[in-house]
Amino acid sequence: FIFNIIEQAPNRKSKQEGSYLTIPVHRCIDLAQPELLQVLELPFNQAQYCICMPDQWKKHFDHIFPSSNFPNYSYYKSYIALASTTKDVDLVKIRARLKKEFNKLAWAPWILADHMWGT
């Protein structure tokens, strides 16, 4: 999930200007760890942010797990593979554990139902 957030980080209008992300492309895989989203130091040279109330934070989680709108993201493929081999009662427990981990994050992209980054 963290890698997909970094991988899909918004770019400037001109490709020549590059991404807003301050992480070099060759380091994205190495730095795509939960700790990246557990601190308020955003890895962007420009960002707009909003402090979420608990209900909005829950909506962000619900858009991610499960969301049929991100079928090409590696985390989603892994989640669906797990869900297809897991009993419903166990999947509820897994989702609760994912929510617990998600709640440890200090920030997340402004996730819309059909976009990882609402820009």
PDB file of N, CA and C in Angstrom:
ATOM      1  N   PHE A   1       0.816  -1.188   0.000  1.00  0.00           N
ATOM      2  CA  PHE A   1       0.000   0.000   0.000  1.00  0.00           C
ATOM      3  C   PHE A   1       0.870   1.266   0.000  1.00  0.00           C
ATOM      4  N   ILE A   2       1.903   1.294   0.815  1.00  0.00           N
ATOM      5  CA  ILE A   2       2.763   2.473   0.900  1.00  0.00           C
ATOM      6  C   ILE A   2       3.461   2.718  -0.447  1.00  0.00           C
ATOM      7  N   PHE A   3       3.953   1.651  -1.067  1.00  0.00           N
ATOM      8  CA  PHE A   3       4.607   1.814  -2.368  1.00  0.00           C
ATOM      9  C   PHE A   3       3.636   2.385  -3.391  1.00  0.00           C
ATOM     10  N   ASN A   4       2.393   1.910  -3.387  1.00  0.00           N
ATOM     11  CA  ASN A   4       1.412   2.421  -4.340  1.00  0.00           C
ATOM     12  C   ASN A   4       1.125   3.901  -4.120  1.00  0.00           C
ATOM     13  N   ILE A   5       1.148   4.352  -2.884  1.00  0.00           N
ATOM     14  CA  ILE A   5       0.964   5.780  -2.601  1.00  0.00           C
ATOM     15  C   ILE A   5       2.097   6.579  -3.228  1.00  0.00           C
ATOM     16  N   ILE A   6       3.323   6.123  -3.020  1.00  0.00           N
ATOM     17  CA  ILE A   6       4.481   6.825  -3.575  1.00  0.00           C
ATOM     18  C   ILE A   6       4.483   6.753  -5.096  1.00  0.00           C
ATOM     19  N   GLU A   7       4.211   5.569  -5.609  1.00  0.00           N
ATOM     20  CA  GLU A   7       4.228   5.354  -7.054  1.00  0.00           C
ATOM     21  C   GLU A   7       3.216   6.252  -7.771  1.00  0.00           C
ATOM     22  N   GLN A   8       2.094   6.513  -7.125  1.00  0.00           N
ATOM     23  CA  GLN A   8       1.024   7.296  -7.750  1.00  0.00           C
ATOM     24  C   GLN A   8       1.035   8.764  -7.329  1.00  0.00           C
ATOM     25  N   ALA A   9       2.085   9.204  -6.647  1.00  0.00           N
ATOM     26  CA  ALA A   9       2.163  10.599  -6.198  1.00  0.00           C
ATOM     27  C   ALA A   9       1.967  11.539  -7.378  1.00  0.00           C
ATOM     28  N   PRO A  10       1.274  12.635  -7.144  1.00  0.00           N
ATOM     29  CA  PRO A  10       0.975  13.545  -8.250  1.00  0.00           C
ATOM     30  C   PRO A  10       2.215  14.212  -8.844  1.00  0.00           C
ATOM     31  N   ASN A  11       2.126  14.464 -10.125  1.00  0.00           N
ATOM     32  CA  ASN A  11       3.181  15.177 -10.854  1.00  0.00           C
ATOM     33  C   ASN A  11       2.726  16.599 -11.145  1.00  0.00           C
ATOM     34  N   ARG A  12       3.675  17.422 -11.457  1.00  0.00           N
ATOM     35  CA  ARG A  12       3.364  18.787 -11.874  1.00  0.00           C
ATOM     36  C   ARG A  12       2.710  18.733 -13.255  1.00  0.00           C
ATOM     37  N   LYS A  13       2.194  19.831 -13.703  1.00  0.00           N
ATOM     38  CA  LYS A  13       1.519  19.873 -14.998  1.00  0.00           C
ATOM     39  C   LYS A  13       2.459  19.526 -16.142  1.00  0.00           C
ATOM     40  N   SER A  14       3.713  19.916 -16.033  1.00  0.00           N
ATOM     41  CA  SER A  14       4.702  19.620 -17.060  1.00  0.00           C
ATOM     42  C   SER A  14       5.574  18.447 -16.612  1.00  0.00           C
ATOM     43  N   LYS A  15       5.706  17.433 -17.445  1.00  0.00           N
ATOM     44  CA  LYS A  15       6.557  16.291 -17.107  1.00  0.00           C
ATOM     45  C   LYS A  15       8.004  16.719 -16.892  1.00  0.00           C
ATOM     46  N   GLN A  16       8.414  17.772 -17.563  1.00  0.00           N
ATOM     47  CA  GLN A  16       9.787  18.264 -17.416  1.00  0.00           C
ATOM     48  C   GLN A  16      10.050  18.764 -16.004  1.00  0.00           C
ATOM     49  N   GLU A  17       9.008  19.231 -15.323  1.00  0.00           N
ATOM     50  CA  GLU A  17       9.160  19.723 -13.957  1.00  0.00           C
ATOM     51  C   GLU A  17       9.179  18.589 -12.939  1.00  0.00           C
ATOM     52  N   GLY A  18       8.757  17.412 -13.333  1.00  0.00           N
ATOM     53  CA  GLY A  18       8.815  16.246 -12.454  1.00  0.00           C
ATOM     54  C   GLY A  18       7.706  16.191 -11.418  1.00  0.00           C
ATOM     55  N   SER A  19       7.914  15.326 -10.458  1.00  0.00           N
ATOM     56  CA  SER A  19       6.940  15.054  -9.418  1.00  0.00           C
ATOM     57  C   SER A  19       7.077  16.029  -8.259  1.00  0.00           C
ATOM     58  N   TYR A  20       6.034  16.134  -7.487  1.00  0.00           N
ATOM     59  CA  TYR A  20       6.102  16.876  -6.225  1.00  0.00           C
ATOM     60  C   TYR A  20       6.840  16.058  -5.166  1.00  0.00           C
ATOM     61  N   LEU A  21       6.972  14.785  -5.395  1.00  0.00           N
ATOM     62  CA  LEU A  21       7.628  13.878  -4.460  1.00  0.00           C
ATOM     63  C   LEU A  21       9.116  14.196  -4.369  1.00  0.00           C
ATOM     64  N   THR A  22       9.646  14.229  -3.164  1.00  0.00           N
ATOM     65  CA  THR A  22      11.066  14.533  -2.974  1.00  0.00           C
ATOM     66  C   THR A  22      11.926  13.282  -2.874  1.00  0.00           C
ATOM     67  N   ILE A  23      11.314  12.126  -2.968  1.00  0.00           N
ATOM     68  CA  ILE A  23      12.053  10.862  -2.910  1.00  0.00           C
ATOM     69  C   ILE A  23      12.557  10.536  -4.314  1.00  0.00           C
ATOM     70  N   PRO A  24      13.860  10.325  -4.479  1.00  0.00           N
ATOM     71  CA  PRO A  24      14.376   9.952  -5.804  1.00  0.00           C
ATOM     72  C   PRO A  24      13.750   8.636  -6.288  1.00  0.00           C
ATOM     73  N   VAL A  25      13.502   8.542  -7.562  1.00  0.00           N
ATOM     74  CA  VAL A  25      12.855   7.357  -8.143  1.00  0.00           C
ATOM     75  C   VAL A  25      13.571   6.067  -7.743  1.00  0.00           C
ATOM     76  N   HIS A  26      14.898   6.075  -7.768  1.00  0.00           N
ATOM     77  CA  HIS A  26      15.650   4.856  -7.462  1.00  0.00           C
ATOM     78  C   HIS A  26      15.575   4.469  -5.984  1.00  0.00           C
ATOM     79  N   ARG A  27      15.001   5.313  -5.108  1.00  0.00           N
ATOM     80  CA  ARG A  27      14.885   5.015  -3.685  1.00  0.00           C
ATOM     81  C   ARG A  27      13.448   4.707  -3.259  1.00  0.00           C
ATOM     82  N   CYS A  28      12.501   4.830  -4.180  1.00  0.00           N
ATOM     83  CA  CYS A  28      11.091   4.663  -3.826  1.00  0.00           C
ATOM     84  C   CYS A  28      10.784   3.309  -3.196  1.00  0.00           C
ATOM     85  N   ILE A  29      11.305   2.249  -3.745  1.00  0.00           N
ATOM     86  CA  ILE A  29      11.033   0.913  -3.197  1.00  0.00           C
ATOM     87  C   ILE A  29      11.610   0.787  -1.796  1.00  0.00           C
ATOM     88  N   ASP A  30      12.832   1.276  -1.602  1.00  0.00           N
ATOM     89  CA  ASP A  30      13.477   1.189  -0.288  1.00  0.00           C
ATOM     90  C   ASP A  30      12.747   2.004   0.775  1.00  0.00           C
ATOM     91  N   LEU A  31      12.272   3.170   0.392  1.00  0.00           N
ATOM     92  CA  LEU A  31      11.673   4.085   1.364  1.00  0.00           C
ATOM     93  C   LEU A  31      10.166   3.919   1.526  1.00  0.00           C
ATOM     94  N   ALA A  32       9.575   3.043   0.760  1.00  0.00           N
ATOM     95  CA  ALA A  32       8.130   2.811   0.849  1.00  0.00           C
ATOM     96  C   ALA A  32       7.822   1.924   2.059  1.00  0.00           C
ATOM     97  N   GLN A  33       8.001   2.477   3.223  1.00  0.00           N
ATOM     98  CA  GLN A  33       7.769   1.778   4.488  1.00  0.00           C
ATOM     99  C   GLN A  33       6.698   2.537   5.276  1.00  0.00           C
ATOM    100  N   PRO A  34       5.976   1.867   6.166  1.00  0.00           N
ATOM    101  CA  PRO A  34       4.944   2.554   6.950  1.00  0.00           C
ATOM    102  C   PRO A  34       5.457   3.793   7.680  1.00  0.00           C
ATOM    103  N   GLU A  35       6.712   3.763   8.109  1.00  0.00           N
ATOM    104  CA  GLU A  35       7.276   4.901   8.840  1.00  0.00           C
ATOM    105  C   GLU A  35       7.194   6.196   8.036  1.00  0.00           C
ATOM    106  N   LEU A  36       7.203   6.094   6.732  1.00  0.00           N
ATOM    107  CA  LEU A  36       7.119   7.271   5.869  1.00  0.00           C
ATOM    108  C   LEU A  36       5.820   8.042   6.110  1.00  0.00           C
ATOM    109  N   LEU A  37       4.750   7.313   6.392  1.00  0.00           N
ATOM    110  CA  LEU A  37       3.451   7.936   6.618  1.00  0.00           C
ATOM    111  C   LEU A  37       3.127   8.100   8.099  1.00  0.00           C
ATOM    112  N   GLN A  38       4.062   7.748   8.963  1.00  0.00           N
ATOM    113  CA  GLN A  38       3.835   7.860  10.402  1.00  0.00           C
ATOM    114  C   GLN A  38       4.433   9.134  10.994  1.00  0.00           C
ATOM    115  N   VAL A  39       5.038   9.949  10.168  1.00  0.00           N
ATOM    116  CA  VAL A  39       5.594  11.229  10.616  1.00  0.00           C
ATOM    117  C   VAL A  39       4.960  12.344   9.795  1.00  0.00           C
ATOM    118  N   LEU A  40       4.955  13.532  10.358  1.00  0.00           N
ATOM    119  CA  LEU A  40       4.327  14.654   9.668  1.00  0.00           C
ATOM    120  C   LEU A  40       5.240  15.350   8.680  1.00  0.00           C
ATOM    121  N   GLU A  41       6.439  14.857   8.516  1.00  0.00           N
ATOM    122  CA  GLU A  41       7.345  15.399   7.505  1.00  0.00           C
ATOM    123  C   GLU A  41       6.955  14.796   6.152  1.00  0.00           C
ATOM    124  N   LEU A  42       6.204  15.539   5.389  1.00  0.00           N
ATOM    125  CA  LEU A  42       5.705  15.034   4.113  1.00  0.00           C
ATOM    126  C   LEU A  42       6.833  15.010   3.083  1.00  0.00           C
ATOM    127  N   PRO A  43       6.940  13.921   2.319  1.00  0.00           N
ATOM    128  CA  PRO A  43       8.022  13.805   1.328  1.00  0.00           C
ATOM    129  C   PRO A  43       7.702  14.505   0.005  1.00  0.00           C
ATOM    130  N   PHE A  44       7.264  15.745   0.104  1.00  0.00           N
ATOM    131  CA  PHE A  44       6.888  16.526  -1.067  1.00  0.00           C
ATOM    132  C   PHE A  44       7.479  17.921  -0.948  1.00  0.00           C
ATOM    133  N   ASN A  45       7.776  18.537  -2.083  1.00  0.00           N
ATOM    134  CA  ASN A  45       8.265  19.904  -2.004  1.00  0.00           C
ATOM    135  C   ASN A  45       7.109  20.909  -2.030  1.00  0.00           C
ATOM    136  N   GLN A  46       5.902  20.449  -2.307  1.00  0.00           N
ATOM    137  CA  GLN A  46       4.685  21.240  -2.170  1.00  0.00           C
ATOM    138  C   GLN A  46       3.564  20.279  -1.814  1.00  0.00           C
ATOM    139  N   ALA A  47       2.695  20.708  -0.923  1.00  0.00           N
ATOM    140  CA  ALA A  47       1.568  19.850  -0.545  1.00  0.00           C
ATOM    141  C   ALA A  47       0.435  20.700   0.002  1.00  0.00           C
ATOM    142  N   GLN A  48      -0.756  20.224  -0.240  1.00  0.00           N
ATOM    143  CA  GLN A  48      -1.940  20.808   0.366  1.00  0.00           C
ATOM    144  C   GLN A  48      -2.467  19.747   1.306  1.00  0.00           C
ATOM    145  N   TYR A  49      -2.820  20.125   2.511  1.00  0.00           N
ATOM    146  CA  TYR A  49      -3.290  19.115   3.446  1.00  0.00           C
ATOM    147  C   TYR A  49      -4.544  19.568   4.173  1.00  0.00           C
ATOM    148  N   CYS A  50      -5.203  18.609   4.768  1.00  0.00           N
ATOM    149  CA  CYS A  50      -6.418  18.843   5.526  1.00  0.00           C
ATOM    150  C   CYS A  50      -6.365  17.921   6.740  1.00  0.00           C
ATOM    151  N   ILE A  51      -6.710  18.433   7.882  1.00  0.00           N
ATOM    152  CA  ILE A  51      -6.776  17.592   9.071  1.00  0.00           C
ATOM    153  C   ILE A  51      -8.144  16.928   9.071  1.00  0.00           C
ATOM    154  N   CYS A  52      -8.135  15.604   9.081  1.00  0.00           N
ATOM    155  CA  CYS A  52      -9.379  14.839   8.975  1.00  0.00           C
ATOM    156  C   CYS A  52     -10.006  14.582  10.334  1.00  0.00           C
ATOM    157  N   MET A  53     -11.292  14.620  10.339  1.00  0.00           N
ATOM    158  CA  MET A  53     -12.042  14.163  11.501  1.00  0.00           C
ATOM    159  C   MET A  53     -12.140  12.635  11.393  1.00  0.00           C
ATOM    160  N   PRO A  54     -12.445  11.951  12.477  1.00  0.00           N
ATOM    161  CA  PRO A  54     -12.478  10.473  12.442  1.00  0.00           C
ATOM    162  C   PRO A  54     -13.365   9.884  11.349  1.00  0.00           C
ATOM    163  N   ASP A  55     -14.502  10.502  11.058  1.00  0.00           N
ATOM    164  CA  ASP A  55     -15.370   9.940  10.025  1.00  0.00           C
ATOM    165  C   ASP A  55     -14.738  10.030   8.643  1.00  0.00           C
ATOM    166  N   GLN A  56     -14.005  11.121   8.354  1.00  0.00           N
ATOM    167  CA  GLN A  56     -13.325  11.241   7.064  1.00  0.00           C
ATOM    168  C   GLN A  56     -12.163  10.258   6.972  1.00  0.00           C
ATOM    169  N   TRP A  57     -11.425  10.086   8.066  1.00  0.00           N
ATOM    170  CA  TRP A  57     -10.308   9.133   8.101  1.00  0.00           C
ATOM    171  C   TRP A  57     -10.823   7.727   7.798  1.00  0.00           C
ATOM    172  N   LYS A  58     -11.975   7.390   8.379  1.00  0.00           N
ATOM    173  CA  LYS A  58     -12.597   6.086   8.126  1.00  0.00           C
ATOM    174  C   LYS A  58     -12.975   5.945   6.647  1.00  0.00           C
ATOM    175  N   LYS A  59     -13.478   7.018   6.041  1.00  0.00           N
ATOM    176  CA  LYS A  59     -13.820   6.975   4.611  1.00  0.00           C
ATOM    177  C   LYS A  59     -12.580   6.689   3.762  1.00  0.00           C
ATOM    178  N   HIS A  60     -11.453   7.307   4.141  1.00  0.00           N
ATOM    179  CA  HIS A  60     -10.219   7.053   3.400  1.00  0.00           C
ATOM    180  C   HIS A  60      -9.863   5.569   3.490  1.00  0.00           C
ATOM    181  N   PHE A  61      -9.936   5.009   4.675  1.00  0.00           N
ATOM    182  CA  PHE A  61      -9.649   3.580   4.842  1.00  0.00           C
ATOM    183  C   PHE A  61     -10.621   2.744   4.011  1.00  0.00           C
ATOM    184  N   ASP A  62     -11.899   3.073   4.089  1.00  0.00           N
ATOM    185  CA  ASP A  62     -12.917   2.302   3.365  1.00  0.00           C
ATOM    186  C   ASP A  62     -12.729   2.383   1.850  1.00  0.00           C
ATOM    187  N   HIS A  63     -12.187   3.487   1.355  1.00  0.00           N
ATOM    188  CA  HIS A  63     -11.914   3.595  -0.087  1.00  0.00           C
ATOM    189  C   HIS A  63     -10.749   2.690  -0.491  1.00  0.00           C
ATOM    190  N   ILE A  64      -9.872   2.400   0.455  1.00  0.00           N
ATOM    191  CA  ILE A  64      -8.684   1.600   0.145  1.00  0.00           C
ATOM    192  C   ILE A  64      -8.929   0.105   0.352  1.00  0.00           C
ATOM    193  N   PHE A  65      -9.547  -0.273   1.465  1.00  0.00           N
ATOM    194  CA  PHE A  65      -9.749  -1.695   1.807  1.00  0.00           C
ATOM    195  C   PHE A  65     -11.216  -1.981   2.032  1.00  0.00           C
ATOM    196  N   PRO A  66     -11.902  -2.732   1.243  1.00  0.00           N
ATOM    197  CA  PRO A  66     -11.517  -3.056  -0.120  1.00  0.00           C
ATOM    198  C   PRO A  66     -12.046  -1.984  -1.056  1.00  0.00           C
ATOM    199  N   SER A  67     -11.383  -1.809  -2.111  1.00  0.00           N
ATOM    200  CA  SER A  67     -11.859  -0.884  -3.138  1.00  0.00           C
ATOM    201  C   SER A  67     -11.658  -1.529  -4.495  1.00  0.00           C
ATOM    202  N   SER A  68     -12.708  -1.617  -5.237  1.00  0.00           N
ATOM    203  CA  SER A  68     -12.583  -2.187  -6.578  1.00  0.00           C
ATOM    204  C   SER A  68     -12.078  -1.144  -7.568  1.00  0.00           C
ATOM    205  N   ASN A  69     -11.823   0.063  -7.078  1.00  0.00           N
ATOM    206  CA  ASN A  69     -11.387   1.131  -7.973  1.00  0.00           C
ATOM    207  C   ASN A  69      -9.877   1.200  -8.159  1.00  0.00           C
ATOM    208  N   PHE A  70      -9.138   0.346  -7.495  1.00  0.00           N
ATOM    209  CA  PHE A  70      -7.683   0.347  -7.631  1.00  0.00           C
ATOM    210  C   PHE A  70      -7.178  -1.033  -8.070  1.00  0.00           C
ATOM    211  N   PRO A  71      -7.772  -1.629  -9.098  1.00  0.00           N
ATOM    212  CA  PRO A  71      -7.432  -3.005  -9.461  1.00  0.00           C
ATOM    213  C   PRO A  71      -6.002  -3.212  -9.962  1.00  0.00           C
ATOM    214  N   ASN A  72      -5.335  -2.157 -10.403  1.00  0.00           N
ATOM    215  CA  ASN A  72      -3.973  -2.308 -10.919  1.00  0.00           C
ATOM    216  C   ASN A  72      -2.897  -2.100  -9.863  1.00  0.00           C
ATOM    217  N   TYR A  73      -3.296  -1.762  -8.668  1.00  0.00           N
ATOM    218  CA  TYR A  73      -2.328  -1.522  -7.597  1.00  0.00           C
ATOM    219  C   TYR A  73      -1.939  -2.852  -6.962  1.00  0.00           C
ATOM    220  N   SER A  74      -0.668  -2.995  -6.675  1.00  0.00           N
ATOM    221  CA  SER A  74      -0.170  -4.271  -6.140  1.00  0.00           C
ATOM    222  C   SER A  74      -0.803  -4.619  -4.797  1.00  0.00           C
ATOM    223  N   TYR A  75      -1.030  -3.626  -3.923  1.00  0.00           N
ATOM    224  CA  TYR A  75      -1.634  -3.937  -2.629  1.00  0.00           C
ATOM    225  C   TYR A  75      -3.039  -4.512  -2.820  1.00  0.00           C
ATOM    226  N   TYR A  76      -3.778  -3.978  -3.788  1.00  0.00           N
ATOM    227  CA  TYR A  76      -5.140  -4.434  -4.037  1.00  0.00           C
ATOM    228  C   TYR A  76      -5.141  -5.872  -4.555  1.00  0.00           C
ATOM    229  N   LYS A  77      -4.227  -6.170  -5.455  1.00  0.00           N
ATOM    230  CA  LYS A  77      -4.128  -7.540  -5.984  1.00  0.00           C
ATOM    231  C   LYS A  77      -3.826  -8.522  -4.856  1.00  0.00           C
ATOM    232  N   SER A  78      -2.934  -8.144  -3.955  1.00  0.00           N
ATOM    233  CA  SER A  78      -2.601  -9.004  -2.808  1.00  0.00           C
ATOM    234  C   SER A  78      -3.802  -9.166  -1.885  1.00  0.00           C
ATOM    235  N   TYR A  79      -4.504  -8.076  -1.648  1.00  0.00           N
ATOM    236  CA  TYR A  79      -5.679  -8.113  -0.777  1.00  0.00           C
ATOM    237  C   TYR A  79      -6.757  -9.019  -1.367  1.00  0.00           C
ATOM    238  N   ILE A  80      -7.018  -8.896  -2.650  1.00  0.00           N
ATOM    239  CA  ILE A  80      -8.040  -9.727  -3.305  1.00  0.00           C
ATOM    240  C   ILE A  80      -7.624 -11.199  -3.304  1.00  0.00           C
ATOM    241  N   ALA A  81      -6.350 -11.471  -3.532  1.00  0.00           N
ATOM    242  CA  ALA A  81      -5.863 -12.856  -3.488  1.00  0.00           C
ATOM    243  C   ALA A  81      -6.078 -13.433  -2.094  1.00  0.00           C
ATOM    244  N   LEU A  82      -5.785 -12.659  -1.075  1.00  0.00           N
ATOM    245  CA  LEU A  82      -5.999 -13.111   0.300  1.00  0.00           C
ATOM    246  C   LEU A  82      -7.486 -13.308   0.569  1.00  0.00           C
ATOM    247  N   ALA A  83      -8.306 -12.362   0.152  1.00  0.00           N
ATOM    248  CA  ALA A  83      -9.752 -12.439   0.382  1.00  0.00           C
ATOM    249  C   ALA A  83     -10.378 -13.648  -0.295  1.00  0.00           C
ATOM    250  N   SER A  84      -9.853 -14.029  -1.438  1.00  0.00           N
ATOM    251  CA  SER A  84     -10.440 -15.162  -2.170  1.00  0.00           C
ATOM    252  C   SER A  84     -10.151 -16.504  -1.506  1.00  0.00           C
ATOM    253  N   THR A  85      -9.191 -16.537  -0.605  1.00  0.00           N
ATOM    254  CA  THR A  85      -8.846 -17.799   0.073  1.00  0.00           C
ATOM    255  C   THR A  85      -9.150 -17.756   1.567  1.00  0.00           C
ATOM    256  N   THR A  86      -9.901 -16.743   1.993  1.00  0.00           N
ATOM    257  CA  THR A  86     -10.159 -16.540   3.418  1.00  0.00           C
ATOM    258  C   THR A  86     -11.655 -16.561   3.688  1.00  0.00           C
ATOM    259  N   LYS A  87     -12.030 -17.150   4.810  1.00  0.00           N
ATOM    260  CA  LYS A  87     -13.432 -17.134   5.227  1.00  0.00           C
ATOM    261  C   LYS A  87     -13.836 -15.704   5.562  1.00  0.00           C
ATOM    262  N   ASP A  88     -15.119 -15.395   5.355  1.00  0.00           N
ATOM    263  CA  ASP A  88     -15.613 -14.040   5.613  1.00  0.00           C
ATOM    264  C   ASP A  88     -15.319 -13.573   7.034  1.00  0.00           C
ATOM    265  N   VAL A  89     -15.521 -14.462   7.999  1.00  0.00           N
ATOM    266  CA  VAL A  89     -15.293 -14.086   9.396  1.00  0.00           C
ATOM    267  C   VAL A  89     -13.821 -13.736   9.635  1.00  0.00           C
ATOM    268  N   ASP A  90     -12.922 -14.445   8.965  1.00  0.00           N
ATOM    269  CA  ASP A  90     -11.493 -14.144   9.101  1.00  0.00           C
ATOM    270  C   ASP A  90     -11.120 -12.873   8.351  1.00  0.00           C
ATOM    271  N   LEU A  91     -11.783 -12.621   7.242  1.00  0.00           N
ATOM    272  CA  LEU A  91     -11.513 -11.406   6.474  1.00  0.00           C
ATOM    273  C   LEU A  91     -11.910 -10.163   7.278  1.00  0.00           C
ATOM    274  N   VAL A  92     -12.980 -10.276   8.054  1.00  0.00           N
ATOM    275  CA  VAL A  92     -13.382  -9.172   8.931  1.00  0.00           C
ATOM    276  C   VAL A  92     -12.281  -8.892   9.953  1.00  0.00           C
ATOM    277  N   LYS A  93     -11.672  -9.942  10.483  1.00  0.00           N
ATOM    278  CA  LYS A  93     -10.569  -9.788  11.439  1.00  0.00           C
ATOM    279  C   LYS A  93      -9.344  -9.175  10.760  1.00  0.00           C
ATOM    280  N   ILE A  94      -9.056  -9.607   9.553  1.00  0.00           N
ATOM    281  CA  ILE A  94      -7.913  -9.067   8.801  1.00  0.00           C
ATOM    282  C   ILE A  94      -8.131  -7.583   8.521  1.00  0.00           C
ATOM    283  N   ARG A  95      -9.325  -7.250   8.109  1.00  0.00           N
ATOM    284  CA  ARG A  95      -9.634  -5.847   7.817  1.00  0.00           C
ATOM    285  C   ARG A  95      -9.529  -5.000   9.087  1.00  0.00           C
ATOM    286  N   ALA A  96      -9.951  -5.541  10.213  1.00  0.00           N
ATOM    287  CA  ALA A  96      -9.826  -4.819  11.482  1.00  0.00           C
ATOM    288  C   ALA A  96      -8.359  -4.583  11.826  1.00  0.00           C
ATOM    289  N   ARG A  97      -7.519  -5.575  11.549  1.00  0.00           N
ATOM    290  CA  ARG A  97      -6.078  -5.414  11.798  1.00  0.00           C
ATOM    291  C   ARG A  97      -5.475  -4.370  10.853  1.00  0.00           C
ATOM    292  N   LEU A  98      -5.894  -4.386   9.594  1.00  0.00           N
ATOM    293  CA  LEU A  98      -5.435  -3.377   8.644  1.00  0.00           C
ATOM    294  C   LEU A  98      -5.857  -1.982   9.093  1.00  0.00           C
ATOM    295  N   LYS A  99      -7.073  -1.864   9.598  1.00  0.00           N
ATOM    296  CA  LYS A  99      -7.572  -0.573  10.093  1.00  0.00           C
ATOM    297  C   LYS A  99      -6.732  -0.103  11.273  1.00  0.00           C
ATOM    298  N   LYS A 100      -6.372  -1.016  12.154  1.00  0.00           N
ATOM    299  CA  LYS A 100      -5.530  -0.672  13.299  1.00  0.00           C
ATOM    300  C   LYS A 100      -4.178  -0.121  12.830  1.00  0.00           C
ATOM    301  N   GLU A 101      -3.595  -0.748  11.804  1.00  0.00           N
ATOM    302  CA  GLU A 101      -2.321  -0.277  11.249  1.00  0.00           C
ATOM    303  C   GLU A 101      -2.509   1.064  10.524  1.00  0.00           C
ATOM    304  N   PHE A 102      -3.595   1.199   9.788  1.00  0.00           N
ATOM    305  CA  PHE A 102      -3.894   2.445   9.079  1.00  0.00           C
ATOM    306  C   PHE A 102      -4.014   3.600  10.072  1.00  0.00           C
ATOM    307  N   ASN A 103      -4.600   3.339  11.223  1.00  0.00           N
ATOM    308  CA  ASN A 103      -4.783   4.375  12.234  1.00  0.00           C
ATOM    309  C   ASN A 103      -3.471   4.832  12.866  1.00  0.00           C
ATOM    310  N   LYS A 104      -2.390   4.112  12.633  1.00  0.00           N
ATOM    311  CA  LYS A 104      -1.074   4.524  13.130  1.00  0.00           C
ATOM    312  C   LYS A 104      -0.435   5.577  12.218  1.00  0.00           C
ATOM    313  N   LEU A 105      -0.992   5.756  11.024  1.00  0.00           N
ATOM    314  CA  LEU A 105      -0.430   6.709  10.075  1.00  0.00           C
ATOM    315  C   LEU A 105      -0.717   8.138  10.525  1.00  0.00           C
ATOM    316  N   ALA A 106       0.225   9.019  10.272  1.00  0.00           N
ATOM    317  CA  ALA A 106       0.042  10.438  10.573  1.00  0.00           C
ATOM    318  C   ALA A 106      -0.633  11.150   9.407  1.00  0.00           C
ATOM    319  N   TRP A 107      -0.510  10.579   8.217  1.00  0.00           N
ATOM    320  CA  TRP A 107      -1.118  11.185   7.041  1.00  0.00           C
ATOM    321  C   TRP A 107      -1.363  10.117   5.985  1.00  0.00           C
ATOM    322  N   ALA A 108      -2.237  10.459   5.061  1.00  0.00           N
ATOM    323  CA  ALA A 108      -2.528   9.617   3.894  1.00  0.00           C
ATOM    324  C   ALA A 108      -2.971  10.558   2.786  1.00  0.00           C
ATOM    325  N   PRO A 109      -2.889  10.117   1.542  1.00  0.00           N
ATOM    326  CA  PRO A 109      -3.386  10.978   0.464  1.00  0.00           C
ATOM    327  C   PRO A 109      -4.885  11.238   0.636  1.00  0.00           C
ATOM    328  N   TRP A 110      -5.354  12.302   0.015  1.00  0.00           N
ATOM    329  CA  TRP A 110      -6.795  12.572   0.013  1.00  0.00           C
ATOM    330  C   TRP A 110      -7.404  11.600  -0.979  1.00  0.00           C
ATOM    331  N   ILE A 111      -7.870  10.476  -0.464  1.00  0.00           N
ATOM    332  CA  ILE A 111      -8.313   9.353  -1.288  1.00  0.00           C
ATOM    333  C   ILE A 111      -9.782   9.518  -1.657  1.00  0.00           C
ATOM    334  N   LEU A 112     -10.032   9.505  -2.934  1.00  0.00           N
ATOM    335  CA  LEU A 112     -11.388   9.533  -3.444  1.00  0.00           C
ATOM    336  C   LEU A 112     -11.788   8.123  -3.841  1.00  0.00           C
ATOM    337  N   ALA A 113     -13.051   7.902  -4.049  1.00  0.00           N
ATOM    338  CA  ALA A 113     -13.516   6.555  -4.405  1.00  0.00           C
ATOM    339  C   ALA A 113     -12.830   6.011  -5.647  1.00  0.00           C
ATOM    340  N   ASP A 114     -12.445   6.897  -6.559  1.00  0.00           N
ATOM    341  CA  ASP A 114     -11.858   6.424  -7.818  1.00  0.00           C
ATOM    342  C   ASP A 114     -10.449   6.958  -8.085  1.00  0.00           C
ATOM    343  N   HIS A 115      -9.831   7.634  -7.112  1.00  0.00           N
ATOM    344  CA  HIS A 115      -8.478   8.148  -7.272  1.00  0.00           C
ATOM    345  C   HIS A 115      -7.703   8.001  -5.967  1.00  0.00           C
ATOM    346  N   MET A 116      -6.476   7.532  -6.056  1.00  0.00           N
ATOM    347  CA  MET A 116      -5.626   7.450  -4.863  1.00  0.00           C
ATOM    348  C   MET A 116      -5.296   8.842  -4.353  1.00  0.00           C
ATOM    349  N   TRP A 117      -5.085   9.768  -5.270  1.00  0.00           N
ATOM    350  CA  TRP A 117      -4.752  11.147  -4.919  1.00  0.00           C
ATOM    351  C   TRP A 117      -5.823  12.070  -5.461  1.00  0.00           C
ATOM    352  N   GLY A 118      -6.579  12.707  -4.591  1.00  0.00           N
ATOM    353  CA  GLY A 118      -7.541  13.712  -5.030  1.00  0.00           C
ATOM    354  C   GLY A 118      -6.835  15.037  -5.194  1.00  0.00           C
ATOM    355  N   THR A 119      -6.488  15.383  -6.432  1.00  0.00           N
ATOM    356  CA  THR A 119      -5.749  16.632  -6.660  1.00  0.00           C
ATOM    357  C   THR A 119      -6.563  17.589  -7.508  1.00  0.00           C
TER     358      THR A 119
END
